Protein backbone atom coordinates (compact mmCIF):
# COMPACT_ATOMS: atom_id res chain seq x y z
CA UNK A 1 36.62 192.61 76.31
CA UNK A 2 33.86 190.99 75.11
CA UNK A 3 31.61 189.42 77.60
CA UNK A 4 32.30 186.25 76.45
CA UNK A 5 36.49 186.62 76.77
CA UNK A 6 35.26 185.34 80.75
CA UNK A 7 32.77 182.04 79.24
CA UNK A 8 35.43 178.88 79.60
CA UNK A 9 35.26 177.62 75.72
CA UNK A 10 37.61 174.10 74.81
CA UNK A 11 41.10 174.37 73.94
CA UNK A 12 42.97 175.29 71.09
CA UNK A 13 46.15 176.38 69.17
CA UNK A 14 44.01 179.46 67.10
CA UNK A 15 42.97 180.70 70.62
CA UNK A 16 46.81 181.06 71.68
CA UNK A 17 47.50 181.98 67.71
CA UNK A 18 45.62 185.60 68.99
CA UNK A 19 47.14 185.94 71.75
CA UNK A 20 50.89 185.88 70.26
CA UNK A 21 49.19 188.04 67.27
CA UNK A 22 47.68 190.82 70.44
CA UNK A 23 51.35 191.20 71.64
CA UNK A 24 53.21 191.19 67.76
CA UNK A 25 54.79 187.76 68.07
CA UNK A 26 55.71 185.77 65.44
CA UNK A 27 54.76 182.25 65.22
CA UNK A 28 54.12 179.43 62.91
CA UNK A 29 53.11 176.23 62.22
CA UNK A 30 55.14 172.83 62.51
CA UNK A 31 56.07 171.23 59.01
CA UNK A 32 56.31 168.38 60.34
CA UNK A 33 53.00 168.18 62.51
CA UNK A 34 50.85 170.22 62.06
CA UNK A 35 48.90 170.46 65.11
CA UNK A 36 52.27 171.85 66.73
CA UNK A 37 52.94 175.46 66.74
CA UNK A 38 56.47 177.14 66.73
CA UNK A 39 57.15 180.65 68.13
CA UNK A 40 60.71 181.21 69.22
CA UNK A 41 62.75 183.67 71.12
CA UNK A 42 67.19 184.33 70.70
CA UNK A 43 68.13 182.15 73.05
CA UNK A 44 64.26 179.35 73.41
CA UNK A 45 62.48 177.90 70.46
CA UNK A 46 59.14 177.10 72.29
CA UNK A 47 56.12 174.80 70.54
CA UNK A 48 52.43 174.96 72.41
CA UNK A 49 50.07 171.68 70.61
CA UNK A 50 47.05 170.05 72.49
CA UNK A 51 46.94 166.38 74.33
CA UNK A 52 44.01 165.68 75.82
CA UNK A 53 42.80 168.11 78.19
CA UNK A 54 45.84 170.52 77.91
CA UNK A 55 48.02 172.85 76.43
CA UNK A 56 51.65 171.47 76.18
CA UNK A 57 54.44 174.02 76.29
CA UNK A 58 57.69 172.45 74.92
CA UNK A 59 60.59 174.88 75.29
CA UNK A 60 64.66 174.18 74.12
CA UNK A 61 67.81 176.41 75.41
CA UNK A 62 70.00 176.83 72.45
CA UNK A 63 73.01 175.91 74.76
CA UNK A 64 74.33 172.31 73.55
CA UNK A 65 77.11 171.23 76.31
CA UNK A 66 78.96 168.28 74.69
CA UNK A 67 77.18 165.32 77.34
CA UNK A 68 80.68 164.87 79.41
CA UNK A 69 78.67 168.75 81.68
CA UNK A 70 76.12 166.22 83.04
CA UNK A 71 77.42 166.53 85.78
CA UNK A 72 76.79 170.53 85.96
CA UNK A 73 74.06 169.82 83.95
CA UNK A 74 72.58 167.97 86.05
CA UNK A 75 73.56 170.61 88.90
CA UNK A 76 72.15 173.07 87.67
CA UNK A 77 69.63 171.72 86.99
CA UNK A 78 68.56 169.90 90.14
CA UNK A 79 68.21 173.93 91.94
CA UNK A 80 66.61 175.54 89.08
CA UNK A 81 63.50 173.01 90.26
CA UNK A 82 64.34 172.55 93.88
CA UNK A 83 64.30 176.67 94.46
CA UNK A 84 61.59 177.44 91.30
CA UNK A 85 57.91 176.82 90.89
CA UNK A 86 57.81 176.71 86.58
CA UNK A 87 59.04 175.83 84.20
CA UNK A 88 59.76 173.32 85.13
CA UNK A 89 63.49 172.31 83.56
CA UNK A 90 64.89 168.62 81.96
CA UNK A 91 67.63 167.71 79.73
CA UNK A 92 68.68 164.24 77.81
CA UNK A 93 71.26 163.75 75.09
CA UNK A 94 71.03 163.92 71.04
CA UNK A 95 71.55 162.14 68.77
CA UNK A 96 74.63 164.03 68.27
CA UNK A 97 76.09 163.10 71.72
CA UNK A 98 75.17 166.80 72.94
CA UNK A 99 72.44 167.40 76.17
CA UNK A 100 69.51 168.94 74.79
CA UNK A 101 67.71 171.69 77.83
CA UNK A 102 63.61 171.77 77.14
CA UNK A 103 61.75 173.98 79.79
CA UNK A 104 58.21 172.58 80.21
CA UNK A 105 54.42 174.48 81.51
CA UNK A 106 50.69 172.74 81.20
CA UNK A 107 47.52 174.40 81.68
CA UNK A 108 44.94 171.88 82.98
CA UNK A 109 41.33 173.37 80.81
CA UNK A 110 39.00 170.56 81.39
CA UNK A 111 37.01 172.67 81.22
CA UNK A 112 37.56 174.74 79.07
CA UNK A 113 39.43 177.79 79.42
CA UNK A 114 38.90 182.37 79.29
CA UNK A 115 40.41 184.49 77.14
CA UNK A 116 42.88 185.65 80.09
CA UNK A 117 44.44 182.49 81.44
CA UNK A 118 44.71 181.82 78.20
CA UNK A 119 47.03 184.62 77.41
CA UNK A 120 48.08 184.32 80.58
CA UNK A 121 49.47 181.29 80.03
CA UNK A 122 50.30 181.67 76.40
CA UNK A 123 52.69 185.45 77.84
CA UNK A 124 54.01 184.11 81.42
CA UNK A 125 55.52 180.60 79.94
CA UNK A 126 57.22 183.08 77.26
CA UNK A 127 58.91 184.81 79.33
CA UNK A 128 59.51 182.66 82.76
CA UNK A 129 61.02 180.42 80.24
CA UNK A 130 63.25 182.80 78.54
CA UNK A 131 64.07 184.31 81.98
CA UNK A 132 64.96 180.02 83.01
CA UNK A 133 67.47 180.43 80.08
CA UNK A 134 68.87 183.40 80.35
CA UNK A 135 69.59 181.77 84.06
CA UNK A 136 71.38 179.25 82.35
CA UNK A 137 73.44 181.05 80.49
CA UNK A 138 74.66 183.22 83.48
CA UNK A 139 75.44 180.05 84.61
CA UNK A 140 77.09 178.56 81.51
CA UNK A 141 78.91 181.41 79.68
CA UNK A 142 80.85 179.64 78.15
CA UNK A 143 77.73 177.71 76.06
CA UNK A 144 75.98 180.98 75.17
CA UNK A 145 77.58 181.72 72.32
CA UNK A 146 74.91 183.27 70.33
CA UNK A 147 74.69 187.07 69.48
CA UNK A 148 71.41 188.23 69.28
CA UNK A 149 70.52 189.87 65.71
CA UNK A 150 68.88 193.43 65.05
CA UNK A 151 65.78 193.48 63.58
CA UNK A 152 64.84 196.43 63.33
């Protein structure tokens, strides 16, 4: 660890990529918006971006319920948000008529952030969001239609 790791410095996405690299996690820059960093897991697609003085993370669950299931999805989203601190879960209707479930978190960094703060935010966001999406999968097993690939 470097002495400078404990000094808050301005936040940028390169600092998030450093954390992902240190954990051997793959990432890429968004082709349409180069200020968005993308990574993912079998059940989640993550986007990290900077807005004003915040690192924002938004993740999309791979399940795509039909709009007719909105009351069930609303109940599950409400239950999650009432019983869990983070990530915040919400949904909206996609152009194709399915529902898109999103989880999001933010790190306020108006005074900058240390490497440990950026690392804790990044890694806890990934872990907590994957846990949230696993919970969604247990609530709606019929919507989990993908299989995890073995990338050995």
